[in-house]
Amino acid sequence: MNTGTIRRLAIGAAALLAVSTLLTATAPVASAHYNYAYQGKDFISVSETHTSGSVCDREVDGNAVYAMWTQGPNRKPVVEWDGGDRGCDTAQFPVGAIYMMLCENTNHGTGPDTCTDWIRV
């Protein structure tokens, strides 16, 4: 074998090793945890499995609240509203949520909404 053939074989073997490593690598499993946040008395949560969440309007001020959960930037969020009725409203997610945000529709919908920052869950 000449030097060129050996070099090509070495490059091919390295590439094969890199591809097989990528194919067998798995993402680390995140520990299951429940997460929640408040904005005033209003409340947002995400389940331990990150496949459902709740939003609760607890202020009885005439301003509805809504929650958003998403997989990340440029992903369409799941949005759920709660208008102050008894209890909380719940949403299911087809894929686990990574971020959540809670917003209040202020001034009965005539003012800008007040929202938390995106919260990593």
PDB file of N, CA and C in Angstrom:
ATOM      1  N   MET A   1       0.837  -1.184   0.000  1.00  0.00           N
ATOM      2  CA  MET A   1       0.000   0.000   0.000  1.00  0.00           C
ATOM      3  C   MET A   1       0.873   1.235   0.000  1.00  0.00           C
ATOM      4  N   ASN A   2       0.430   2.211  -0.788  1.00  0.00           N
ATOM      5  CA  ASN A   2       1.193   3.446  -0.805  1.00  0.00           C
ATOM      6  C   ASN A   2       0.629   4.418   0.243  1.00  0.00           C
ATOM      7  N   THR A   3       1.305   5.529   0.435  1.00  0.00           N
ATOM      8  CA  THR A   3       0.947   6.504   1.460  1.00  0.00           C
ATOM      9  C   THR A   3      -0.434   7.115   1.207  1.00  0.00           C
ATOM     10  N   GLY A   4      -0.783   7.360  -0.048  1.00  0.00           N
ATOM     11  CA  GLY A   4      -2.094   7.940  -0.386  1.00  0.00           C
ATOM     12  C   GLY A   4      -3.229   7.012   0.000  1.00  0.00           C
ATOM     13  N   THR A   5      -3.073   5.711  -0.238  1.00  0.00           N
ATOM     14  CA  THR A   5      -4.114   4.737   0.108  1.00  0.00           C
ATOM     15  C   THR A   5      -4.276   4.652   1.619  1.00  0.00           C
ATOM     16  N   ILE A   6      -3.169   4.634   2.335  1.00  0.00           N
ATOM     17  CA  ILE A   6      -3.217   4.564   3.799  1.00  0.00           C
ATOM     18  C   ILE A   6      -3.906   5.805   4.359  1.00  0.00           C
ATOM     19  N   ARG A   7      -3.594   6.974   3.804  1.00  0.00           N
ATOM     20  CA  ARG A   7      -4.198   8.225   4.262  1.00  0.00           C
ATOM     21  C   ARG A   7      -5.710   8.192   4.038  1.00  0.00           C
ATOM     22  N   ARG A   8      -6.152   7.718   2.848  1.00  0.00           N
ATOM     23  CA  ARG A   8      -7.595   7.643   2.559  1.00  0.00           C
ATOM     24  C   ARG A   8      -8.290   6.669   3.498  1.00  0.00           C
ATOM     25  N   LEU A   9      -7.664   5.539   3.783  1.00  0.00           N
ATOM     26  CA  LEU A   9      -8.242   4.569   4.714  1.00  0.00           C
ATOM     27  C   LEU A   9      -8.351   5.153   6.120  1.00  0.00           C
ATOM     28  N   ALA A  10      -7.343   5.886   6.549  1.00  0.00           N
ATOM     29  CA  ALA A  10      -7.362   6.494   7.884  1.00  0.00           C
ATOM     30  C   ALA A  10      -8.465   7.544   7.974  1.00  0.00           C
ATOM     31  N   ILE A  11      -8.613   8.375   6.940  1.00  0.00           N
ATOM     32  CA  ILE A  11      -9.670   9.395   6.927  1.00  0.00           C
ATOM     33  C   ILE A  11     -11.039   8.731   6.911  1.00  0.00           C
ATOM     34  N   GLY A  12     -11.193   7.680   6.110  1.00  0.00           N
ATOM     35  CA  GLY A  12     -12.461   6.954   6.049  1.00  0.00           C
ATOM     36  C   GLY A  12     -12.815   6.321   7.389  1.00  0.00           C
ATOM     37  N   ALA A  13     -11.829   5.732   8.053  1.00  0.00           N
ATOM     38  CA  ALA A  13     -12.074   5.108   9.361  1.00  0.00           C
ATOM     39  C   ALA A  13     -12.468   6.163  10.394  1.00  0.00           C
ATOM     40  N   ALA A  14     -11.806   7.312  10.365  1.00  0.00           N
ATOM     41  CA  ALA A  14     -12.140   8.386  11.309  1.00  0.00           C
ATOM     42  C   ALA A  14     -13.557   8.897  11.063  1.00  0.00           C
ATOM     43  N   ALA A  15     -13.918   9.047   9.783  1.00  0.00           N
ATOM     44  CA  ALA A  15     -15.268   9.508   9.454  1.00  0.00           C
ATOM     45  C   ALA A  15     -16.308   8.490   9.895  1.00  0.00           C
ATOM     46  N   LEU A  16     -16.040   7.213   9.678  1.00  0.00           N
ATOM     47  CA  LEU A  16     -16.969   6.156  10.095  1.00  0.00           C
ATOM     48  C   LEU A  16     -17.135   6.144  11.610  1.00  0.00           C
ATOM     49  N   LEU A  17     -16.054   6.331  12.335  1.00  0.00           N
ATOM     50  CA  LEU A  17     -16.108   6.378  13.795  1.00  0.00           C
ATOM     51  C   LEU A  17     -16.930   7.582  14.253  1.00  0.00           C
ATOM     52  N   ALA A  18     -16.739   8.737  13.625  1.00  0.00           N
ATOM     53  CA  ALA A  18     -17.493   9.933  14.002  1.00  0.00           C
ATOM     54  C   ALA A  18     -18.982   9.751  13.748  1.00  0.00           C
ATOM     55  N   VAL A  19     -19.346   9.188  12.607  1.00  0.00           N
ATOM     56  CA  VAL A  19     -20.758   8.972  12.276  1.00  0.00           C
ATOM     57  C   VAL A  19     -21.391   7.971  13.238  1.00  0.00           C
ATOM     58  N   SER A  20     -20.700   6.882  13.529  1.00  0.00           N
ATOM     59  CA  SER A  20     -21.272   5.890  14.440  1.00  0.00           C
ATOM     60  C   SER A  20     -21.428   6.464  15.843  1.00  0.00           C
ATOM     61  N   THR A  21     -20.514   7.328  16.260  1.00  0.00           N
ATOM     62  CA  THR A  21     -20.635   7.975  17.567  1.00  0.00           C
ATOM     63  C   THR A  21     -21.859   8.884  17.592  1.00  0.00           C
ATOM     64  N   LEU A  22     -22.077   9.645  16.532  1.00  0.00           N
ATOM     65  CA  LEU A  22     -23.240  10.518  16.469  1.00  0.00           C
ATOM     66  C   LEU A  22     -24.544   9.728  16.461  1.00  0.00           C
ATOM     67  N   LEU A  23     -24.559   8.590  15.778  1.00  0.00           N
ATOM     68  CA  LEU A  23     -25.772   7.797  15.703  1.00  0.00           C
ATOM     69  C   LEU A  23     -26.115   7.126  17.024  1.00  0.00           C
ATOM     70  N   THR A  24     -25.112   6.802  17.824  1.00  0.00           N
ATOM     71  CA  THR A  24     -25.380   6.121  19.086  1.00  0.00           C
ATOM     72  C   THR A  24     -25.477   7.073  20.267  1.00  0.00           C
ATOM     73  N   ALA A  25     -25.099   8.321  20.095  1.00  0.00           N
ATOM     74  CA  ALA A  25     -25.177   9.283  21.196  1.00  0.00           C
ATOM     75  C   ALA A  25     -26.632   9.617  21.486  1.00  0.00           C
ATOM     76  N   THR A  26     -26.941   9.741  22.745  1.00  0.00           N
ATOM     77  CA  THR A  26     -28.297  10.123  23.135  1.00  0.00           C
ATOM     78  C   THR A  26     -28.218  11.339  24.028  1.00  0.00           C
ATOM     79  N   ALA A  27     -29.270  12.126  24.025  1.00  0.00           N
ATOM     80  CA  ALA A  27     -29.328  13.295  24.892  1.00  0.00           C
ATOM     81  C   ALA A  27     -29.486  12.828  26.331  1.00  0.00           C
ATOM     82  N   PRO A  28     -28.875  13.556  27.265  1.00  0.00           N
ATOM     83  CA  PRO A  28     -29.047  13.164  28.657  1.00  0.00           C
ATOM     84  C   PRO A  28     -30.505  13.325  29.073  1.00  0.00           C
ATOM     85  N   VAL A  29     -30.974  12.448  29.913  1.00  0.00           N
ATOM     86  CA  VAL A  29     -32.352  12.496  30.371  1.00  0.00           C
ATOM     87  C   VAL A  29     -32.463  13.566  31.443  1.00  0.00           C
ATOM     88  N   ALA A  30     -33.359  14.516  31.238  1.00  0.00           N
ATOM     89  CA  ALA A  30     -33.573  15.563  32.242  1.00  0.00           C
ATOM     90  C   ALA A  30     -34.356  14.966  33.398  1.00  0.00           C
ATOM     91  N   SER A  31     -33.981  15.392  34.586  1.00  0.00           N
ATOM     92  CA  SER A  31     -34.733  14.888  35.727  1.00  0.00           C
ATOM     93  C   SER A  31     -36.127  15.506  35.702  1.00  0.00           C
ATOM     94  N   ALA A  32     -37.112  14.697  36.005  1.00  0.00           N
ATOM     95  CA  ALA A  32     -38.496  15.159  35.984  1.00  0.00           C
ATOM     96  C   ALA A  32     -38.692  16.172  37.115  1.00  0.00           C
ATOM     97  N   HIS A  33     -39.333  17.277  36.803  1.00  0.00           N
ATOM     98  CA  HIS A  33     -39.619  18.270  37.827  1.00  0.00           C
ATOM     99  C   HIS A  33     -40.811  19.124  37.411  1.00  0.00           C
ATOM    100  N   TYR A  34     -41.580  19.494  38.398  1.00  0.00           N
ATOM    101  CA  TYR A  34     -42.725  20.389  38.255  1.00  0.00           C
ATOM    102  C   TYR A  34     -42.178  21.801  38.375  1.00  0.00           C
ATOM    103  N   ASN A  35     -42.682  22.726  37.569  1.00  0.00           N
ATOM    104  CA  ASN A  35     -42.192  24.091  37.630  1.00  0.00           C
ATOM    105  C   ASN A  35     -43.370  25.044  37.618  1.00  0.00           C
ATOM    106  N   TYR A  36     -43.251  26.173  38.288  1.00  0.00           N
ATOM    107  CA  TYR A  36     -44.339  27.148  38.348  1.00  0.00           C
ATOM    108  C   TYR A  36     -43.775  28.550  38.538  1.00  0.00           C
ATOM    109  N   ALA A  37     -44.630  29.540  38.299  1.00  0.00           N
ATOM    110  CA  ALA A  37     -44.248  30.941  38.498  1.00  0.00           C
ATOM    111  C   ALA A  37     -45.513  31.757  38.760  1.00  0.00           C
ATOM    112  N   TYR A  38     -45.323  32.886  39.407  1.00  0.00           N
ATOM    113  CA  TYR A  38     -46.413  33.814  39.691  1.00  0.00           C
ATOM    114  C   TYR A  38     -46.154  35.147  39.006  1.00  0.00           C
ATOM    115  N   GLN A  39     -47.245  35.822  38.665  1.00  0.00           N
ATOM    116  CA  GLN A  39     -47.207  37.231  38.285  1.00  0.00           C
ATOM    117  C   GLN A  39     -48.324  37.849  39.118  1.00  0.00           C
ATOM    118  N   GLY A  40     -47.954  38.544  40.188  1.00  0.00           N
ATOM    119  CA  GLY A  40     -48.959  38.944  41.165  1.00  0.00           C
ATOM    120  C   GLY A  40     -49.518  37.683  41.792  1.00  0.00           C
ATOM    121  N   LYS A  41     -50.847  37.520  41.779  1.00  0.00           N
ATOM    122  CA  LYS A  41     -51.471  36.285  42.271  1.00  0.00           C
ATOM    123  C   LYS A  41     -51.722  35.290  41.148  1.00  0.00           C
ATOM    124  N   ASP A  42     -51.590  35.727  39.888  1.00  0.00           N
ATOM    125  CA  ASP A  42     -51.799  34.836  38.751  1.00  0.00           C
ATOM    126  C   ASP A  42     -50.674  33.802  38.713  1.00  0.00           C
ATOM    127  N   PHE A  43     -50.978  32.641  38.145  1.00  0.00           N
ATOM    128  CA  PHE A  43     -50.114  31.481  38.313  1.00  0.00           C
ATOM    129  C   PHE A  43     -50.000  30.693  37.008  1.00  0.00           C
ATOM    130  N   ILE A  44     -48.801  30.181  36.729  1.00  0.00           N
ATOM    131  CA  ILE A  44     -48.550  29.287  35.599  1.00  0.00           C
ATOM    132  C   ILE A  44     -47.744  28.097  36.097  1.00  0.00           C
ATOM    133  N   SER A  45     -47.989  26.931  35.501  1.00  0.00           N
ATOM    134  CA  SER A  45     -47.208  25.748  35.886  1.00  0.00           C
ATOM    135  C   SER A  45     -47.004  24.842  34.683  1.00  0.00           C
ATOM    136  N   VAL A  46     -46.060  23.928  34.830  1.00  0.00           N
ATOM    137  CA  VAL A  46     -45.824  22.874  33.850  1.00  0.00           C
ATOM    138  C   VAL A  46     -45.638  21.573  34.629  1.00  0.00           C
ATOM    139  N   SER A  47     -46.167  20.484  34.085  1.00  0.00           N
ATOM    140  CA  SER A  47     -46.119  19.195  34.772  1.00  0.00           C
ATOM    141  C   SER A  47     -44.695  18.636  34.824  1.00  0.00           C
ATOM    142  N   GLU A  48     -44.505  17.612  35.645  1.00  0.00           N
ATOM    143  CA  GLU A  48     -43.197  16.963  35.759  1.00  0.00           C
ATOM    144  C   GLU A  48     -42.690  16.427  34.428  1.00  0.00           C
ATOM    145  N   THR A  49     -43.599  15.964  33.586  1.00  0.00           N
ATOM    146  CA  THR A  49     -43.201  15.417  32.289  1.00  0.00           C
ATOM    147  C   THR A  49     -43.117  16.479  31.203  1.00  0.00           C
ATOM    148  N   HIS A  50     -43.489  17.711  31.534  1.00  0.00           N
ATOM    149  CA  HIS A  50     -43.483  18.856  30.606  1.00  0.00           C
ATOM    150  C   HIS A  50     -44.443  18.662  29.436  1.00  0.00           C
ATOM    151  N   THR A  51     -45.466  17.833  29.618  1.00  0.00           N
ATOM    152  CA  THR A  51     -46.437  17.587  28.550  1.00  0.00           C
ATOM    153  C   THR A  51     -47.801  18.204  28.836  1.00  0.00           C
ATOM    154  N   SER A  52     -47.931  18.921  29.938  1.00  0.00           N
ATOM    155  CA  SER A  52     -49.157  19.670  30.230  1.00  0.00           C
ATOM    156  C   SER A  52     -48.821  20.825  31.147  1.00  0.00           C
ATOM    157  N   GLY A  53     -49.709  21.811  31.163  1.00  0.00           N
ATOM    158  CA  GLY A  53     -49.503  22.967  32.018  1.00  0.00           C
ATOM    159  C   GLY A  53     -50.824  23.606  32.384  1.00  0.00           C
ATOM    160  N   SER A  54     -50.805  24.442  33.405  1.00  0.00           N
ATOM    161  CA  SER A  54     -52.011  25.123  33.870  1.00  0.00           C
ATOM    162  C   SER A  54     -51.762  26.616  33.993  1.00  0.00           C
ATOM    163  N   VAL A  55     -52.847  27.369  33.825  1.00  0.00           N
ATOM    164  CA  VAL A  55     -52.814  28.811  34.022  1.00  0.00           C
ATOM    165  C   VAL A  55     -54.002  29.169  34.907  1.00  0.00           C
ATOM    166  N   CYS A  56     -53.773  30.042  35.889  1.00  0.00           N
ATOM    167  CA  CYS A  56     -54.807  30.388  36.859  1.00  0.00           C
ATOM    168  C   CYS A  56     -54.890  31.905  37.030  1.00  0.00           C
ATOM    169  N   ASP A  57     -56.087  32.453  36.822  1.00  0.00           N
ATOM    170  CA  ASP A  57     -56.350  33.870  37.066  1.00  0.00           C
ATOM    171  C   ASP A  57     -56.930  33.971  38.471  1.00  0.00           C
ATOM    172  N   ARG A  58     -56.131  34.474  39.403  1.00  0.00           N
ATOM    173  CA  ARG A  58     -56.554  34.512  40.807  1.00  0.00           C
ATOM    174  C   ARG A  58     -56.741  35.938  41.331  1.00  0.00           C
ATOM    175  N   GLU A  59     -56.716  36.936  40.445  1.00  0.00           N
ATOM    176  CA  GLU A  59     -56.755  38.310  40.931  1.00  0.00           C
ATOM    177  C   GLU A  59     -58.141  38.945  40.943  1.00  0.00           C
ATOM    178  N   VAL A  60     -59.125  38.383  40.271  1.00  0.00           N
ATOM    179  CA  VAL A  60     -60.494  38.911  40.225  1.00  0.00           C
ATOM    180  C   VAL A  60     -60.472  40.420  39.946  1.00  0.00           C
ATOM    181  N   ASP A  61     -59.736  40.811  38.895  1.00  0.00           N
ATOM    182  CA  ASP A  61     -59.614  42.228  38.551  1.00  0.00           C
ATOM    183  C   ASP A  61     -60.188  42.547  37.178  1.00  0.00           C
ATOM    184  N   GLY A  62     -60.836  41.583  36.564  1.00  0.00           N
ATOM    185  CA  GLY A  62     -61.429  41.812  35.248  1.00  0.00           C
ATOM    186  C   GLY A  62     -60.465  41.629  34.096  1.00  0.00           C
ATOM    187  N   ASN A  63     -59.212  41.353  34.395  1.00  0.00           N
ATOM    188  CA  ASN A  63     -58.207  41.137  33.351  1.00  0.00           C
ATOM    189  C   ASN A  63     -57.942  39.640  33.214  1.00  0.00           C
ATOM    190  N   ALA A  64     -58.189  39.101  32.036  1.00  0.00           N
ATOM    191  CA  ALA A  64     -57.903  37.684  31.795  1.00  0.00           C
ATOM    192  C   ALA A  64     -56.392  37.470  31.753  1.00  0.00           C
ATOM    193  N   VAL A  65     -55.975  36.258  32.017  1.00  0.00           N
ATOM    194  CA  VAL A  65     -54.566  35.891  31.885  1.00  0.00           C
ATOM    195  C   VAL A  65     -54.446  34.774  30.858  1.00  0.00           C
ATOM    196  N   TYR A  66     -53.276  34.654  30.283  1.00  0.00           N
ATOM    197  CA  TYR A  66     -52.993  33.549  29.376  1.00  0.00           C
ATOM    198  C   TYR A  66     -51.560  33.096  29.563  1.00  0.00           C
ATOM    199  N   ALA A  67     -51.346  31.834  29.257  1.00  0.00           N
ATOM    200  CA  ALA A  67     -50.027  31.237  29.385  1.00  0.00           C
ATOM    201  C   ALA A  67     -49.581  30.729  28.031  1.00  0.00           C
ATOM    202  N   MET A  68     -48.272  30.729  27.841  1.00  0.00           N
ATOM    203  CA  MET A  68     -47.689  30.177  26.621  1.00  0.00           C
ATOM    204  C   MET A  68     -46.567  29.222  27.016  1.00  0.00           C
ATOM    205  N   TRP A  69     -46.547  28.095  26.347  1.00  0.00           N
ATOM    206  CA  TRP A  69     -45.482  27.114  26.529  1.00  0.00           C
ATOM    207  C   TRP A  69     -44.917  26.819  25.145  1.00  0.00           C
ATOM    208  N   THR A  70     -43.609  26.659  25.044  1.00  0.00           N
ATOM    209  CA  THR A  70     -43.006  26.396  23.737  1.00  0.00           C
ATOM    210  C   THR A  70     -41.744  25.545  23.875  1.00  0.00           C
ATOM    211  N   GLN A  71     -41.312  25.014  22.744  1.00  0.00           N
ATOM    212  CA  GLN A  71     -40.067  24.257  22.654  1.00  0.00           C
ATOM    213  C   GLN A  71     -38.870  25.179  22.497  1.00  0.00           C
ATOM    214  N   GLY A  72     -39.086  26.447  22.150  1.00  0.00           N
ATOM    215  CA  GLY A  72     -37.976  27.369  21.999  1.00  0.00           C
ATOM    216  C   GLY A  72     -38.253  28.416  20.946  1.00  0.00           C
ATOM    217  N   PRO A  73     -37.236  29.242  20.645  1.00  0.00           N
ATOM    218  CA  PRO A  73     -37.393  30.302  19.658  1.00  0.00           C
ATOM    219  C   PRO A  73     -37.867  29.759  18.317  1.00  0.00           C
ATOM    220  N   ASN A  74     -38.674  30.545  17.645  1.00  0.00           N
ATOM    221  CA  ASN A  74     -39.208  30.205  16.318  1.00  0.00           C
ATOM    222  C   ASN A  74     -40.096  28.967  16.326  1.00  0.00           C
ATOM    223  N   ARG A  75     -40.586  28.571  17.475  1.00  0.00           N
ATOM    224  CA  ARG A  75     -41.529  27.460  17.582  1.00  0.00           C
ATOM    225  C   ARG A  75     -42.888  28.025  17.962  1.00  0.00           C
ATOM    226  N   LYS A  76     -43.935  27.496  17.379  1.00  0.00           N
ATOM    227  CA  LYS A  76     -45.283  27.970  17.678  1.00  0.00           C
ATOM    228  C   LYS A  76     -45.645  27.583  19.114  1.00  0.00           C
ATOM    229  N   PRO A  77     -46.024  28.565  19.943  1.00  0.00           N
ATOM    230  CA  PRO A  77     -46.358  28.227  21.325  1.00  0.00           C
ATOM    231  C   PRO A  77     -47.767  27.652  21.457  1.00  0.00           C
ATOM    232  N   VAL A  78     -47.973  26.889  22.512  1.00  0.00           N
ATOM    233  CA  VAL A  78     -49.308  26.456  22.923  1.00  0.00           C
ATOM    234  C   VAL A  78     -49.820  27.558  23.848  1.00  0.00           C
ATOM    235  N   VAL A  79     -51.017  28.086  23.575  1.00  0.00           N
ATOM    236  CA  VAL A  79     -51.569  29.192  24.357  1.00  0.00           C
ATOM    237  C   VAL A  79     -52.864  28.741  25.022  1.00  0.00           C
ATOM    238  N   GLU A  80     -53.001  29.062  26.291  1.00  0.00           N
ATOM    239  CA  GLU A  80     -54.223  28.743  27.041  1.00  0.00           C
ATOM    240  C   GLU A  80     -54.636  29.973  27.841  1.00  0.00           C
ATOM    241  N   TRP A  81     -55.924  30.320  27.775  1.00  0.00           N
ATOM    242  CA  TRP A  81     -56.485  31.482  28.482  1.00  0.00           C
ATOM    243  C   TRP A  81     -57.233  31.032  29.716  1.00  0.00           C
ATOM    244  N   ASP A  82     -57.256  31.892  30.732  1.00  0.00           N
ATOM    245  CA  ASP A  82     -58.113  31.700  31.903  1.00  0.00           C
ATOM    246  C   ASP A  82     -58.713  33.050  32.231  1.00  0.00           C
ATOM    247  N   GLY A  83     -60.030  33.117  32.199  1.00  0.00           N
ATOM    248  CA  GLY A  83     -60.719  34.397  32.387  1.00  0.00           C
ATOM    249  C   GLY A  83     -61.222  34.655  33.778  1.00  0.00           C
ATOM    250  N   GLY A  84     -60.681  34.006  34.766  1.00  0.00           N
ATOM    251  CA  GLY A  84     -61.075  34.282  36.126  1.00  0.00           C
ATOM    252  C   GLY A  84     -62.201  33.392  36.619  1.00  0.00           C
ATOM    253  N   ASP A  85     -62.578  32.379  35.827  1.00  0.00           N
ATOM    254  CA  ASP A  85     -63.598  31.449  36.298  1.00  0.00           C
ATOM    255  C   ASP A  85     -63.010  30.606  37.432  1.00  0.00           C
ATOM    256  N   ARG A  86     -63.854  29.838  38.056  1.00  0.00           N
ATOM    257  CA  ARG A  86     -63.388  29.016  39.164  1.00  0.00           C
ATOM    258  C   ARG A  86     -62.396  27.967  38.660  1.00  0.00           C
ATOM    259  N   GLY A  87     -61.286  27.832  39.352  1.00  0.00           N
ATOM    260  CA  GLY A  87     -60.281  26.845  38.974  1.00  0.00           C
ATOM    261  C   GLY A  87     -59.288  27.375  37.963  1.00  0.00           C
ATOM    262  N   CYS A  88     -58.531  26.466  37.407  1.00  0.00           N
ATOM    263  CA  CYS A  88     -57.486  26.795  36.438  1.00  0.00           C
ATOM    264  C   CYS A  88     -57.814  26.124  35.118  1.00  0.00           C
ATOM    265  N   ASP A  89     -57.222  26.611  34.052  1.00  0.00           N
ATOM    266  CA  ASP A  89     -57.377  25.978  32.751  1.00  0.00           C
ATOM    267  C   ASP A  89     -56.077  25.250  32.421  1.00  0.00           C
ATOM    268  N   THR A  90     -56.208  24.119  31.739  1.00  0.00           N
ATOM    269  CA  THR A  90     -55.065  23.252  31.471  1.00  0.00           C
ATOM    270  C   THR A  90     -54.900  23.027  29.977  1.00  0.00           C
ATOM    271  N   ALA A  91     -53.663  22.929  29.537  1.00  0.00           N
ATOM    272  CA  ALA A  91     -53.333  22.647  28.139  1.00  0.00           C
ATOM    273  C   ALA A  91     -52.441  21.416  28.084  1.00  0.00           C
ATOM    274  N   GLN A  92     -52.558  20.668  26.992  1.00  0.00           N
ATOM    275  CA  GLN A  92     -51.699  19.508  26.734  1.00  0.00           C
ATOM    276  C   GLN A  92     -50.747  19.865  25.598  1.00  0.00           C
ATOM    277  N   PHE A  93     -49.522  19.358  25.648  1.00  0.00           N
ATOM    278  CA  PHE A  93     -48.522  19.654  24.622  1.00  0.00           C
ATOM    279  C   PHE A  93     -48.157  18.376  23.876  1.00  0.00           C
ATOM    280  N   PRO A  94     -48.070  18.434  22.551  1.00  0.00           N
ATOM    281  CA  PRO A  94     -47.673  17.254  21.792  1.00  0.00           C
ATOM    282  C   PRO A  94     -46.205  16.889  22.029  1.00  0.00           C
ATOM    283  N   VAL A  95     -45.393  17.890  22.357  1.00  0.00           N
ATOM    284  CA  VAL A  95     -43.972  17.688  22.635  1.00  0.00           C
ATOM    285  C   VAL A  95     -43.671  18.446  23.923  1.00  0.00           C
ATOM    286  N   GLY A  96     -42.780  17.951  24.724  1.00  0.00           N
ATOM    287  CA  GLY A  96     -42.477  18.570  26.010  1.00  0.00           C
ATOM    288  C   GLY A  96     -42.077  20.032  25.908  1.00  0.00           C
ATOM    289  N   ALA A  97     -42.611  20.844  26.812  1.00  0.00           N
ATOM    290  CA  ALA A  97     -42.305  22.270  26.853  1.00  0.00           C
ATOM    291  C   ALA A  97     -40.924  22.508  27.446  1.00  0.00           C
ATOM    292  N   ILE A  98     -40.245  23.536  26.943  1.00  0.00           N
ATOM    293  CA  ILE A  98     -38.946  23.925  27.463  1.00  0.00           C
ATOM    294  C   ILE A  98     -39.029  25.316  28.095  1.00  0.00           C
ATOM    295  N   TYR A  99     -39.934  26.160  27.594  1.00  0.00           N
ATOM    296  CA  TYR A  99     -40.107  27.511  28.116  1.00  0.00           C
ATOM    297  C   TYR A  99     -41.584  27.775  28.383  1.00  0.00           C
ATOM    298  N   MET A 100     -41.859  28.670  29.349  1.00  0.00           N
ATOM    299  CA  MET A 100     -43.229  29.102  29.607  1.00  0.00           C
ATOM    300  C   MET A 100     -43.232  30.594  29.917  1.00  0.00           C
ATOM    301  N   MET A 101     -44.388  31.225  29.655  1.00  0.00           N
ATOM    302  CA  MET A 101     -44.562  32.649  29.910  1.00  0.00           C
ATOM    303  C   MET A 101     -46.002  32.883  30.359  1.00  0.00           C
ATOM    304  N   LEU A 102     -46.192  33.790  31.321  1.00  0.00           N
ATOM    305  CA  LEU A 102     -47.510  34.140  31.828  1.00  0.00           C
ATOM    306  C   LEU A 102     -47.781  35.605  31.510  1.00  0.00           C
ATOM    307  N   CYS A 103     -48.957  35.881  30.940  1.00  0.00           N
ATOM    308  CA  CYS A 103     -49.319  37.253  30.558  1.00  0.00           C
ATOM    309  C   CYS A 103     -50.682  37.625  31.131  1.00  0.00           C
ATOM    310  N   GLU A 104     -50.854  38.907  31.439  1.00  0.00           N
ATOM    311  CA  GLU A 104     -52.145  39.432  31.856  1.00  0.00           C
ATOM    312  C   GLU A 104     -52.611  40.422  30.806  1.00  0.00           C
ATOM    313  N   ASN A 105     -53.841  40.228  30.359  1.00  0.00           N
ATOM    314  CA  ASN A 105     -54.466  41.102  29.372  1.00  0.00           C
ATOM    315  C   ASN A 105     -54.966  42.331  30.133  1.00  0.00           C
ATOM    316  N   THR A 106     -54.113  43.334  30.294  1.00  0.00           N
ATOM    317  CA  THR A 106     -54.383  44.456  31.198  1.00  0.00           C
ATOM    318  C   THR A 106     -55.411  45.437  30.659  1.00  0.00           C
ATOM    319  N   ASN A 107     -55.969  46.200  31.556  1.00  0.00           N
ATOM    320  CA  ASN A 107     -56.974  47.226  31.248  1.00  0.00           C
ATOM    321  C   ASN A 107     -58.120  46.669  30.420  1.00  0.00           C
ATOM    322  N   HIS A 108     -58.550  45.460  30.772  1.00  0.00           N
ATOM    323  CA  HIS A 108     -59.684  44.812  30.107  1.00  0.00           C
ATOM    324  C   HIS A 108     -59.469  44.711  28.599  1.00  0.00           C
ATOM    325  N   GLY A 109     -58.215  44.504  28.199  1.00  0.00           N
ATOM    326  CA  GLY A 109     -57.897  44.322  26.785  1.00  0.00           C
ATOM    327  C   GLY A 109     -57.598  45.597  26.032  1.00  0.00           C
ATOM    328  N   THR A 110     -57.619  46.751  26.714  1.00  0.00           N
ATOM    329  CA  THR A 110     -57.361  48.011  26.014  1.00  0.00           C
ATOM    330  C   THR A 110     -55.925  48.498  26.162  1.00  0.00           C
ATOM    331  N   GLY A 111     -55.155  47.878  27.036  1.00  0.00           N
ATOM    332  CA  GLY A 111     -53.763  48.284  27.235  1.00  0.00           C
ATOM    333  C   GLY A 111     -52.819  47.195  26.790  1.00  0.00           C
ATOM    334  N   PRO A 112     -51.521  47.477  26.847  1.00  0.00           N
ATOM    335  CA  PRO A 112     -50.537  46.451  26.481  1.00  0.00           C
ATOM    336  C   PRO A 112     -50.531  45.334  27.525  1.00  0.00           C
ATOM    337  N   ASP A 113     -50.352  44.112  27.070  1.00  0.00           N
ATOM    338  CA  ASP A 113     -50.304  42.982  27.992  1.00  0.00           C
ATOM    339  C   ASP A 113     -49.037  43.041  28.841  1.00  0.00           C
ATOM    340  N   THR A 114     -49.144  42.599  30.066  1.00  0.00           N
ATOM    341  CA  THR A 114     -48.009  42.516  30.965  1.00  0.00           C
ATOM    342  C   THR A 114     -47.617  41.054  31.075  1.00  0.00           C
ATOM    343  N   CYS A 115     -46.368  40.747  30.746  1.00  0.00           N
ATOM    344  CA  CYS A 115     -45.925  39.350  30.708  1.00  0.00           C
ATOM    345  C   CYS A 115     -44.646  39.156  31.524  1.00  0.00           C
ATOM    346  N   THR A 116     -44.474  37.940  32.012  1.00  0.00           N
ATOM    347  CA  THR A 116     -43.189  37.560  32.591  1.00  0.00           C
ATOM    348  C   THR A 116     -42.213  37.395  31.425  1.00  0.00           C
ATOM    349  N   ASP A 117     -40.952  37.242  31.741  1.00  0.00           N
ATOM    350  CA  ASP A 117     -39.985  36.839  30.734  1.00  0.00           C
ATOM    351  C   ASP A 117     -40.238  35.367  30.420  1.00  0.00           C
ATOM    352  N   TRP A 118     -39.656  34.856  29.335  1.00  0.00           N
ATOM    353  CA  TRP A 118     -39.711  33.421  29.083  1.00  0.00           C
ATOM    354  C   TRP A 118     -38.962  32.734  30.206  1.00  0.00           C
ATOM    355  N   ILE A 119     -39.552  31.719  30.794  1.00  0.00           N
ATOM    356  CA  ILE A 119     -38.967  30.994  31.914  1.00  0.00           C
ATOM    357  C   ILE A 119     -38.581  29.600  31.424  1.00  0.00           C
ATOM    358  N   ARG A 120     -37.316  29.237  31.592  1.00  0.00           N
ATOM    359  CA  ARG A 120     -36.883  27.889  31.193  1.00  0.00           C
ATOM    360  C   ARG A 120     -37.370  26.907  32.241  1.00  0.00           C
ATOM    361  N   VAL A 121     -38.031  25.859  31.785  1.00  0.00           N
ATOM    362  CA  VAL A 121     -38.615  24.878  32.710  1.00  0.00           C
ATOM    363  C   VAL A 121     -37.853  23.630  32.661  1.00  0.00           C
TER     364      VAL A 121
END
